Amino acid sequence: MDKILFSRRKALLLDNIAELLQNPGISEKEKTMLERVLVLLDHYSFENRLLVKGLLSHTVIDTLELPYSLGDLLIRFDHQIT
């Protein structure tokens, strides 16, 4: 995975999360979980991607209750890091 592809995939995730946060019907619990994902994604940079690989997947699976489609995107992003 090169830097451009990494940046595009991360930007896509951030856009999806921003869209979900704009939903007026979002609960406080959902908002908190999405904000937590934003914090985790903030730790992911191209330079340290191999050091943090797996953190996002484990957190999504073990801790967070996210919409399936977003959880799937996050896990795929994490697994595709090389």
Protein backbone atom coordinates (compact mmCIF):
# COMPACT_ATOMS: atom_id res chain seq x y z
CA MET A 1 0.00 0.00 0.00
CA ASP A 2 1.52 3.30 -1.03
CA LYS A 3 1.02 6.64 0.68
CA ILE A 4 -1.59 7.90 -1.78
CA LEU A 5 -3.76 4.78 -1.47
CA PHE A 6 -3.45 4.85 2.32
CA SER A 7 -4.49 8.51 2.42
CA ARG A 8 -7.46 7.94 0.10
CA ARG A 9 -8.77 5.02 2.12
CA LYS A 10 -8.37 6.89 5.39
CA ALA A 11 -10.11 9.95 3.90
CA LEU A 12 -13.01 7.75 2.76
CA LEU A 13 -13.42 6.43 6.30
CA LEU A 14 -13.30 9.94 7.75
CA ASP A 15 -15.93 11.10 5.25
CA ASN A 16 -18.22 8.18 6.16
CA ILE A 17 -17.88 8.95 9.85
CA ALA A 18 -18.48 12.67 9.31
CA GLU A 19 -21.64 11.83 7.37
CA LEU A 20 -22.90 9.61 10.18
CA LEU A 21 -22.16 12.31 12.75
CA GLN A 22 -24.26 14.80 10.74
CA ASN A 23 -27.32 12.60 11.10
CA PRO A 24 -29.75 14.45 13.41
CA GLY A 25 -31.11 11.14 14.71
CA ILE A 26 -27.79 9.89 16.03
CA SER A 27 -27.82 8.85 19.68
CA GLU A 28 -25.23 10.03 22.19
CA LYS A 29 -23.90 6.48 22.47
CA GLU A 30 -23.41 6.25 18.70
CA LYS A 31 -21.81 9.68 18.63
CA THR A 32 -19.38 8.67 21.39
CA MET A 33 -18.40 5.50 19.54
CA LEU A 34 -17.84 7.37 16.28
CA GLU A 35 -15.72 9.94 18.05
CA ARG A 36 -13.67 7.11 19.50
CA VAL A 37 -13.08 5.78 16.01
CA LEU A 38 -11.92 9.24 14.94
CA VAL A 39 -9.38 9.24 17.77
CA LEU A 40 -8.12 5.82 16.71
CA LEU A 41 -7.87 6.86 13.07
CA ASP A 42 -5.91 9.91 14.15
CA HIS A 43 -3.22 7.54 15.40
CA TYR A 44 -2.91 5.99 11.94
CA SER A 45 -0.41 7.68 9.67
CA PHE A 46 1.40 6.26 6.69
CA GLU A 47 4.66 6.34 8.59
CA ASN A 48 3.43 4.36 11.61
CA ARG A 49 0.77 2.23 9.93
CA LEU A 50 2.58 -1.03 10.60
CA LEU A 51 3.01 -0.22 14.28
CA VAL A 52 -0.71 0.42 14.85
CA LYS A 53 -2.07 -2.19 12.44
CA GLY A 54 -4.68 -4.30 14.21
CA LEU A 55 -5.61 -1.70 16.83
CA LEU A 56 -8.63 -0.52 14.88
CA SER A 57 -9.87 -4.03 14.06
CA HIS A 58 -9.58 -5.24 17.64
CA THR A 59 -11.34 -2.17 19.00
CA VAL A 60 -14.19 -2.43 16.49
CA ILE A 61 -14.69 -6.13 17.17
CA ASP A 62 -14.16 -6.16 20.93
CA THR A 63 -15.53 -2.82 22.11
CA LEU A 64 -17.54 -0.74 19.69
CA GLU A 65 -21.10 -1.14 18.52
CA LEU A 66 -21.03 0.34 15.05
CA PRO A 67 -23.22 -0.04 11.98
CA TYR A 68 -22.12 -3.18 10.16
CA SER A 69 -21.17 -1.33 6.99
CA LEU A 70 -18.83 1.06 8.82
CA GLY A 71 -17.33 -1.68 10.96
CA ASP A 72 -16.66 -3.71 7.82
CA LEU A 73 -14.93 -0.73 6.14
CA LEU A 74 -12.78 -0.09 9.20
CA ILE A 75 -11.71 -3.71 9.52
CA ARG A 76 -10.92 -3.98 5.81
CA PHE A 77 -8.85 -0.78 5.97
CA ASP A 78 -6.90 -2.16 8.91
CA HIS A 79 -6.32 -5.56 7.30
CA GLN A 80 -5.19 -4.10 3.98
CA ILE A 81 -2.36 -2.13 5.54
CA THR A 82 0.99 -3.39 4.25
